[in-house]
Structure formats: structure tokens, C-alpha cells
Amino acid sequence: MVLKGAGESGDLPFGERLRAELGSPTAVVPLDSSPRSRVWRVELAGTPAVVKQLVADPEAADRYTREVTALQLASRATPPVAPSLLATDPEHHVLVLEHLEHHHPAEDWLIDHATTLARLHATIDPDAPLPTWSAPTPTDADAFLRLAHHLDVPTTPGVQDELNALLERLRTMPTTALLHGDPCPGNDMHTTAGVRFIDFEQASLGNGLVELAYLRIGFPTCWCATAPPPHLLHAAETAYRTTWLTTTGTTLPSTTDACAGWLLRGDALVPGAQRGTVDHLAEATTRDWHWGTATARQRLIHRLGVVSELTADDGALAQFGLLTSAMRARALARWPGLGPLPTRRP
């Protein structure tokens, strides 16, 4: 969160309920935030804190519930994996949070990010009032096959069967993790005491593999698409798996299916506000657009490459892997000059 400049309390949503519990806020400073929330830095009895309000829209109540529930679950981790939740005002969708001082991440930031992500995932309560993660659908798969057609890449009969089986495996993945929903660079605060995740508005219950896959597939829901160097990626994935094993006593399979699932999602080429509007895979065949650190076509080519590599020795997705490899080659030929995703976070 970046300071925008000093200000007065003004429309700070800090009513009598919060004042009775925490006292009156001082030194109020607005912070940058997404269009769906308003955030301030304040001081409470001389201690910095953060006030966050989910703005009034049809989904505000749901996003508020998700964030409060996820923060409560995450608070069980030691050392912490998220800021402390100091108080809430459900009527106005307001949270008061511990203030975290962010420092510039180290070169090997991804290792601490992955380690904390595993510990966050392990705080799940299966009975928590959170929605279940939504897997890609047959509509996503159909859009991907249309993309292959747009690129003049033929599909073999076995591809449809492999995709149907993939969708079923993703739909029935064991629900073993508290998912952040958007575990991206920028939603991880690198403090002197370790990494803490913020902004849990999209939290859900699901399988940690779908967010471990972010590291390899390029942070699909994030403006800051990044492809870490192979040595750092390997170290971070190992750190996640080791931490998960230590914390839960269980091992994890490959992220191949999870990465393939992210490839199918055309909505993972655009910001949240634009999702669910059009077929973005088809749109990418007629135009390219920038979102954060990369263009839609850069993201797509990266994901095609990741999945083609992961499926090279995967019998369950052998035909799909050949298809993704051919699609990547055709896309690079049709759209020359596209560079790779950046290797460093902004």
C-alpha cells in the first residue's frame, strides 16, 4: 500500500462502535487501493493501524465476509501469515488491521512467499463459511479449442477426452487448503518479521496446488505477471512442498493439472472487473492488450510453454500437451516480437 498524502479523518468510516473498542483515530492518511475498497493508515493510541472498507456494490458483503473469515483462520498460524484483525464493523463492511511495514523484497523473495503461502493454506477449517474454489468449466475448454482453431492448429480426437478428464480431476480435487484467491506480488508484504499476505477478498476453500501453480504459470490473476528464473522457481516450489509436509504431514502431487487449468481460463488474461464478459481467448486472436507487466499474448504464450513442458511426460495429458506445443509455435510465428514475461517482480 502506497501513501497518497496526508489527510483528515473526513469520510473515514470509523463509527461509534469502533471508537468504543479502539479509541479515536488520528494521523489519518489515505492509501492507494483497488476500486472495490477504500483504505487509510491511521494511528490508534499512537500505534499505526489500517482501516479498510469494502465499497458498496452487490458483492461487497460477500467480499467482506470472505476477508474477515480468512483473516480469522489465518490468525491461527505461528509465526503470523497475515496482519492481525483488530476490530470489525459488519454494518459498514469495515475492518481495522495491524499495520505492516513493507520492505523491498530480496532477490530470492519467492522462497519466503511460497513458504508463507503453504503455511497460510494449512490454516483451513473445512467448516468455515467460505465458498469452494471454482474449477474451470466445459465452456473454458471449448473456448480453448476454438483458440486452437483460430491459430489453424488441428486437434486430435483424444484431446477432448483428455480435457473432459482434466476438468473432472480439477472439479474433484480434495479441499485441503485455505486459498487466498489472489496470492500475487503486491498482496505479499515483506516485513522484517517475514512475509504476510493481505487482501483476502477472494478467499475460498480448495486445494493448495491451484495457488502453488501461480509460481510456474506466471501469477495468472495478477497485474504483475512474472516468470522467475528456473533455479528460484525450483527452490520456491521445494520450499512450499517441504513446508506443507512439515505442517500437515502430507505430500502433494504435481501442479500439471492446476497449470493446465489456468491455461484454459481466458478470464485470467484480464483484470477482475473485465472477467465474465467476453471470450478473452478469442479476443486475443484479433488484438493484444497490456495489463500490468505484460500483454495478453505474452501471458498466453508463457502458459502454453509451461503446460507443454509439464505434459511432455504426462500420459494423462499427452495429446493436450502436443496441442499446446503446436499452438505456442503457431502463436509465436503469427505474433513475432513478443518477449518473455519479466523475471523480476516490479
Protein backbone atom coordinates (compact mmCIF):
# COMPACT_ATOMS: atom_id res chain seq x y z
CA MET A 1 0.00 0.00 0.00
CA VAL A 2 1.41 3.35 -1.08
CA LEU A 3 0.83 6.59 0.77
CA LYS A 4 -1.12 9.14 -1.25
CA GLY A 5 -0.67 12.08 1.09
CA ALA A 6 -1.82 13.39 4.41
CA GLY A 7 -5.47 14.00 5.12
CA GLU A 8 -8.03 14.46 7.85
CA SER A 9 -10.46 11.86 9.11
CA GLY A 10 -13.16 13.24 6.76
CA ASP A 11 -15.21 10.31 5.47
CA LEU A 12 -13.15 7.74 7.37
CA PRO A 13 -15.75 5.06 8.26
CA PHE A 14 -14.80 4.84 11.93
CA GLY A 15 -18.06 4.96 13.84
CA GLU A 16 -19.02 4.79 17.48
CA ARG A 17 -18.73 1.01 17.60
CA LEU A 18 -15.08 1.10 16.55
CA ARG A 19 -14.28 4.17 18.67
CA ALA A 20 -15.68 2.47 21.76
CA GLU A 21 -13.46 -0.53 21.13
CA LEU A 22 -10.26 1.11 19.84
CA GLY A 23 -10.44 4.80 20.62
CA SER A 24 -10.43 7.71 18.19
CA PRO A 25 -8.10 7.50 15.19
CA THR A 26 -5.54 10.21 14.48
CA ALA A 27 -2.94 10.89 11.75
CA VAL A 28 -5.31 9.68 9.04
CA VAL A 29 -3.66 9.12 5.64
CA PRO A 30 -5.45 7.69 2.58
CA LEU A 31 -3.69 4.77 0.87
CA ASP A 32 -3.87 3.51 -2.68
CA SER A 33 -6.29 0.64 -3.10
CA SER A 34 -8.36 -1.19 -5.68
CA PRO A 35 -11.58 0.39 -6.98
CA ARG A 36 -13.52 -2.03 -4.78
CA SER A 37 -12.17 -0.79 -1.46
CA ARG A 38 -11.05 2.31 0.43
CA VAL A 39 -8.04 2.15 2.73
CA TRP A 40 -6.45 4.51 5.26
CA ARG A 41 -3.46 4.44 7.54
CA VAL A 42 -4.32 5.73 10.99
CA GLU A 43 -2.88 5.83 14.46
CA LEU A 44 -4.71 4.37 17.45
CA ALA A 45 -3.22 5.44 20.77
CA GLY A 46 0.00 6.16 18.91
CA THR A 47 0.15 2.76 17.18
CA PRO A 48 -0.19 2.56 13.38
CA ALA A 49 -3.15 0.62 12.02
CA VAL A 50 -5.01 0.21 8.73
CA VAL A 51 -8.71 0.85 8.14
CA LYS A 52 -10.24 -0.88 5.13
CA GLN A 53 -13.78 -0.54 3.83
CA LEU A 54 -15.26 -2.71 1.10
CA VAL A 55 -17.14 -0.26 -1.11
CA ALA A 56 -20.86 -0.58 -1.65
CA ASP A 57 -21.57 -2.86 -4.58
CA PRO A 58 -23.60 -6.07 -4.94
CA GLU A 59 -20.58 -8.18 -3.91
CA ALA A 60 -19.33 -6.04 -1.01
CA ALA A 61 -20.96 -8.14 1.71
CA ASP A 62 -19.56 -11.36 0.24
CA ARG A 63 -16.05 -9.92 -0.11
CA TYR A 64 -16.20 -8.58 3.45
CA THR A 65 -17.25 -11.98 4.83
CA ARG A 66 -14.52 -13.73 2.90
CA GLU A 67 -11.84 -11.37 4.15
CA VAL A 68 -12.90 -11.45 7.79
CA THR A 69 -13.25 -15.25 7.79
CA ALA A 70 -9.91 -15.80 6.08
CA LEU A 71 -8.11 -13.44 8.46
CA GLN A 72 -9.61 -15.22 11.44
CA LEU A 73 -8.46 -18.60 10.11
CA ALA A 74 -5.02 -17.27 9.19
CA SER A 75 -4.56 -15.89 12.71
CA ARG A 76 -4.03 -19.45 13.95
CA ALA A 77 -0.65 -19.67 12.20
CA THR A 78 2.55 -19.11 14.17
CA PRO A 79 4.50 -17.12 13.15
CA PRO A 80 1.82 -14.97 11.52
CA VAL A 81 0.96 -15.21 7.84
CA ALA A 82 -1.39 -12.19 7.71
CA PRO A 83 -2.00 -8.95 9.62
CA SER A 84 -3.92 -9.17 12.87
CA LEU A 85 -7.60 -8.27 12.65
CA LEU A 86 -8.08 -5.66 15.37
CA ALA A 87 -11.81 -4.95 15.00
CA THR A 88 -14.69 -5.03 12.53
CA ASP A 89 -17.83 -3.10 11.70
CA PRO A 90 -20.03 -5.53 9.74
CA GLU A 91 -22.76 -2.97 9.07
CA HIS A 92 -20.39 -0.77 7.08
CA HIS A 93 -18.06 -3.53 5.83
CA VAL A 94 -15.09 -2.09 7.70
CA LEU A 95 -12.01 -3.91 9.00
CA VAL A 96 -9.30 -2.48 11.24
CA LEU A 97 -5.99 -4.25 10.74
CA GLU A 98 -2.48 -4.34 12.05
CA HIS A 99 -0.24 -2.02 10.03
CA LEU A 100 2.61 -3.82 8.27
CA GLU A 101 5.77 -2.04 7.18
CA HIS A 102 6.70 -3.35 3.74
CA HIS A 103 10.35 -3.54 2.68
CA HIS A 104 11.76 -4.10 -0.78
CA PRO A 105 11.82 -7.86 -1.34
CA ALA A 106 15.14 -9.71 -1.61
CA GLU A 107 16.26 -11.29 -4.87
CA ASP A 108 15.06 -14.68 -3.61
CA TRP A 109 11.72 -13.28 -2.39
CA LEU A 110 9.77 -16.12 -3.98
CA ILE A 111 11.07 -18.64 -1.46
CA ASP A 112 9.66 -16.76 1.53
CA HIS A 113 6.48 -16.07 -0.46
CA ALA A 114 5.98 -19.78 -1.16
CA THR A 115 6.82 -20.83 2.38
CA THR A 116 4.28 -18.44 3.86
CA LEU A 117 1.70 -19.44 1.25
CA ALA A 118 1.99 -23.08 2.33
CA ARG A 119 1.54 -22.12 5.97
CA LEU A 120 -1.46 -19.98 5.08
CA HIS A 121 -3.04 -22.83 3.12
CA ALA A 122 -2.62 -25.14 6.12
CA THR A 123 -4.87 -22.97 8.34
CA ILE A 124 -8.01 -24.33 6.67
CA ASP A 125 -11.18 -25.11 8.57
CA PRO A 126 -13.42 -27.21 6.29
CA ASP A 127 -16.50 -25.86 8.09
CA ALA A 128 -15.58 -22.19 7.62
CA PRO A 129 -18.25 -20.05 5.89
CA LEU A 130 -16.26 -19.68 2.68
CA PRO A 131 -17.20 -20.71 -0.85
CA THR A 132 -15.45 -23.59 -2.57
CA TRP A 133 -12.93 -22.75 -5.26
CA SER A 134 -14.47 -22.77 -8.73
CA ALA A 135 -12.74 -25.02 -11.26
CA PRO A 136 -12.62 -24.26 -14.99
CA THR A 137 -15.69 -25.38 -16.90
CA PRO A 138 -16.53 -27.05 -20.22
CA THR A 139 -17.14 -23.52 -21.54
CA ASP A 140 -13.49 -22.69 -20.80
CA ALA A 141 -12.33 -25.86 -22.54
CA ASP A 142 -14.48 -25.13 -25.59
CA ALA A 143 -13.05 -21.61 -25.80
CA PHE A 144 -9.54 -23.04 -25.69
CA LEU A 145 -10.28 -25.45 -28.53
CA ARG A 146 -11.70 -22.55 -30.55
CA LEU A 147 -8.42 -20.74 -29.92
CA ALA A 148 -6.59 -23.70 -31.46
CA HIS A 149 -8.89 -23.42 -34.47
CA HIS A 150 -8.20 -19.66 -34.75
CA LEU A 151 -4.48 -20.48 -34.78
CA ASP A 152 -5.03 -23.12 -37.50
CA VAL A 153 -3.82 -25.91 -35.23
CA PRO A 154 -5.78 -29.15 -35.71
CA THR A 155 -6.99 -31.08 -32.68
CA THR A 156 -6.91 -34.86 -32.38
CA PRO A 157 -9.91 -36.85 -31.11
CA GLY A 158 -8.07 -37.69 -27.90
CA VAL A 159 -7.74 -34.06 -26.84
CA GLN A 160 -11.44 -33.69 -25.97
CA ASP A 161 -11.36 -36.82 -23.85
CA GLU A 162 -8.24 -35.59 -22.03
CA LEU A 163 -9.84 -32.20 -21.40
CA ASN A 164 -13.02 -33.79 -20.05
CA ALA A 165 -10.94 -35.90 -17.66
CA LEU A 166 -8.86 -32.87 -16.66
CA LEU A 167 -11.96 -30.84 -15.81
CA GLU A 168 -13.27 -33.68 -13.67
CA ARG A 169 -9.97 -34.04 -11.81
CA LEU A 170 -9.89 -30.31 -11.11
CA ARG A 171 -13.53 -30.27 -10.02
CA THR A 172 -12.97 -33.10 -7.55
CA MET A 173 -9.62 -32.06 -6.12
CA PRO A 174 -9.55 -32.59 -2.32
CA THR A 175 -10.46 -29.46 -0.37
CA THR A 176 -7.41 -29.21 1.87
CA ALA A 177 -6.43 -25.53 1.92
CA LEU A 178 -7.49 -22.00 2.76
CA LEU A 179 -6.92 -20.29 -0.57
CA HIS A 180 -6.01 -16.62 -0.67
CA GLY A 181 -7.68 -16.06 -4.05
CA ASP A 182 -5.09 -13.64 -5.43
CA PRO A 183 -1.65 -14.52 -3.95
CA CYS A 184 0.32 -12.10 -6.05
CA PRO A 185 3.34 -9.87 -5.70
CA GLY A 186 1.84 -6.79 -4.06
CA ASN A 187 -0.51 -8.83 -1.89
CA ASP A 188 2.52 -10.16 -0.03
CA MET A 189 4.06 -7.76 2.47
CA HIS A 190 7.75 -8.39 3.09
CA THR A 191 8.41 -7.29 6.67
CA THR A 192 11.38 -7.66 8.98
CA ALA A 193 9.44 -10.48 10.68
CA GLY A 194 8.65 -12.34 7.45
CA VAL A 195 6.06 -12.36 4.67
CA ARG A 196 2.42 -11.54 5.43
CA PHE A 197 -0.44 -11.79 2.94
CA ILE A 198 -3.10 -9.09 2.69
CA ASP A 199 -6.36 -8.57 0.76
CA PHE A 200 -8.36 -11.77 1.26
CA GLU A 201 -11.50 -10.59 -0.51
CA GLN A 202 -11.45 -13.58 -2.86
CA ALA A 203 -10.56 -16.23 -0.28
CA SER A 204 -12.09 -19.69 -0.68
CA LEU A 205 -11.66 -23.32 0.32
CA GLY A 206 -9.86 -25.52 -2.17
CA ASN A 207 -6.63 -27.28 -2.98
CA GLY A 208 -3.30 -25.53 -2.46
CA LEU A 209 -1.96 -26.80 -5.78
CA VAL A 210 -4.05 -24.24 -7.66
CA GLU A 211 -2.13 -21.42 -5.93
CA LEU A 212 1.24 -23.17 -5.83
CA ALA A 213 0.80 -23.25 -9.62
CA TYR A 214 0.92 -19.43 -9.65
CA LEU A 215 4.69 -19.56 -9.29
CA ARG A 216 5.15 -21.52 -12.51
CA ILE A 217 2.24 -20.37 -14.65
CA GLY A 218 3.09 -16.68 -14.15
CA PHE A 219 0.68 -15.38 -11.47
CA PRO A 220 -2.43 -15.65 -13.66
CA THR A 221 -4.82 -13.38 -11.75
CA CYS A 222 -2.23 -10.66 -11.18
CA TRP A 223 -1.29 -7.46 -12.96
CA CYS A 224 2.38 -8.26 -12.25
CA ALA A 225 2.85 -11.38 -14.36
CA THR A 226 6.30 -12.80 -13.57
CA ALA A 227 8.31 -15.83 -14.67
CA PRO A 228 11.03 -16.43 -12.05
CA PRO A 229 14.38 -17.90 -13.14
CA PRO A 230 14.36 -21.73 -13.08
CA HIS A 231 16.66 -22.03 -10.06
CA LEU A 232 14.48 -19.68 -7.99
CA LEU A 233 11.27 -21.36 -9.15
CA HIS A 234 12.62 -24.78 -8.16
CA ALA A 235 13.74 -23.52 -4.75
CA ALA A 236 10.38 -21.86 -4.08
CA GLU A 237 8.33 -24.90 -5.11
CA THR A 238 10.55 -27.10 -2.94
CA ALA A 239 10.10 -24.70 -0.02
CA TYR A 240 6.32 -24.85 -0.40
CA ARG A 241 6.23 -28.64 -0.56
CA THR A 242 8.62 -29.02 2.37
CA THR A 243 6.63 -26.58 4.50
CA TRP A 244 3.35 -28.27 3.59
CA LEU A 245 4.76 -31.68 4.53
CA THR A 246 6.14 -30.36 7.81
CA THR A 247 2.89 -28.60 8.69
CA THR A 248 0.33 -31.18 7.57
CA GLY A 249 2.26 -34.45 7.33
CA THR A 250 1.08 -34.97 3.74
CA THR A 251 2.73 -34.77 0.33
CA LEU A 252 1.45 -33.15 -2.85
CA PRO A 253 1.28 -34.34 -6.46
CA SER A 254 2.40 -32.38 -9.50
CA THR A 255 0.99 -28.98 -10.41
CA THR A 256 0.46 -30.11 -14.01
CA ASP A 257 -3.33 -30.25 -13.82
CA ALA A 258 -3.51 -26.93 -11.94
CA CYS A 259 -1.31 -25.20 -14.52
CA ALA A 260 -3.37 -26.67 -17.36
CA GLY A 261 -6.50 -25.37 -15.67
CA TRP A 262 -5.12 -21.83 -15.56
CA LEU A 263 -4.23 -22.06 -19.26
CA LEU A 264 -7.87 -22.81 -20.09
CA ARG A 265 -9.15 -19.70 -18.35
CA GLY A 266 -9.42 -16.81 -20.77
CA ASP A 267 -10.60 -14.65 -17.89
CA ALA A 268 -7.08 -14.94 -16.46
CA LEU A 269 -5.90 -12.60 -19.23
CA VAL A 270 -7.74 -9.56 -17.86
CA PRO A 271 -8.32 -7.70 -14.56
CA GLY A 272 -11.12 -8.86 -12.29
CA ALA A 273 -13.63 -6.22 -13.40
CA GLN A 274 -13.45 -7.49 -17.00
CA ARG A 275 -13.88 -11.19 -16.26
CA GLY A 276 -17.01 -13.00 -17.32
CA THR A 277 -17.79 -10.51 -20.08
CA VAL A 278 -16.44 -11.96 -23.37
CA ASP A 279 -14.30 -14.84 -24.66
CA HIS A 280 -10.89 -13.32 -23.97
CA LEU A 281 -9.02 -16.18 -25.68
CA ALA A 282 -10.85 -15.37 -28.89
CA GLU A 283 -10.29 -11.67 -28.33
CA ALA A 284 -6.53 -12.28 -28.12
CA THR A 285 -6.54 -13.60 -31.68
CA THR A 286 -7.68 -10.23 -33.05
CA ARG A 287 -5.86 -7.80 -30.76
CA ASP A 288 -3.34 -7.63 -27.94
CA TRP A 289 -3.60 -5.51 -24.81
CA HIS A 290 -1.45 -4.55 -21.88
CA TRP A 291 -2.31 -5.48 -18.33
CA GLY A 292 0.39 -4.56 -15.85
CA THR A 293 3.77 -6.04 -16.67
CA ALA A 294 2.79 -7.99 -19.80
CA THR A 295 0.38 -8.24 -22.68
CA ALA A 296 -2.35 -10.83 -23.02
CA ARG A 297 -0.46 -12.65 -25.75
CA GLN A 298 2.73 -12.73 -23.70
CA ARG A 299 0.81 -14.32 -20.84
CA LEU A 300 -0.83 -16.81 -23.16
CA ILE A 301 2.42 -17.87 -24.84
CA HIS A 302 4.10 -18.30 -21.45
CA ARG A 303 1.27 -20.52 -20.22
CA LEU A 304 1.29 -22.60 -23.39
CA GLY A 305 5.01 -23.17 -22.93
CA VAL A 306 4.66 -24.15 -19.27
CA VAL A 307 1.92 -26.67 -19.96
CA SER A 308 3.63 -28.17 -22.99
CA GLU A 309 6.74 -28.77 -20.88
CA LEU A 310 4.85 -30.21 -17.90
CA THR A 311 2.81 -32.59 -20.07
CA ALA A 312 5.76 -33.93 -22.05
CA ASP A 313 5.94 -36.99 -19.79
CA ASP A 314 2.33 -36.97 -18.58
CA GLY A 315 0.31 -39.75 -20.14
CA ALA A 316 -2.98 -38.29 -18.92
CA LEU A 317 -2.44 -35.12 -20.98
CA ALA A 318 -0.19 -36.38 -23.77
CA GLN A 319 -2.40 -35.23 -26.66
CA PHE A 320 -3.21 -31.96 -24.94
CA GLY A 321 0.50 -31.35 -24.43
CA LEU A 322 1.22 -31.84 -28.12
CA LEU A 323 -1.61 -29.43 -28.90
CA THR A 324 -0.28 -26.73 -26.58
CA SER A 325 3.21 -27.07 -28.04
CA ALA A 326 1.87 -26.66 -31.59
CA MET A 327 -0.30 -23.71 -30.53
CA ARG A 328 2.67 -21.96 -28.94
CA ALA A 329 4.78 -22.41 -32.08
CA ARG A 330 1.97 -21.10 -34.29
CA ALA A 331 1.30 -18.15 -31.98
CA LEU A 332 4.96 -17.14 -31.94
CA ALA A 333 5.04 -17.29 -35.74
CA ARG A 334 1.84 -15.30 -36.08
CA TRP A 335 2.75 -12.73 -33.42
CA PRO A 336 6.51 -12.16 -33.81
CA GLY A 337 8.41 -9.87 -31.49
CA LEU A 338 6.72 -10.84 -28.26
CA GLY A 339 9.19 -11.03 -25.39
CA PRO A 340 9.03 -13.35 -22.39
CA LEU A 341 7.44 -12.42 -19.10
CA PRO A 342 9.71 -10.38 -16.81
CA THR A 343 11.84 -12.46 -14.47
CA ARG A 344 11.69 -9.91 -11.65
CA ARG A 345 8.71 -8.55 -9.79
CA PRO A 346 8.09 -4.80 -10.04
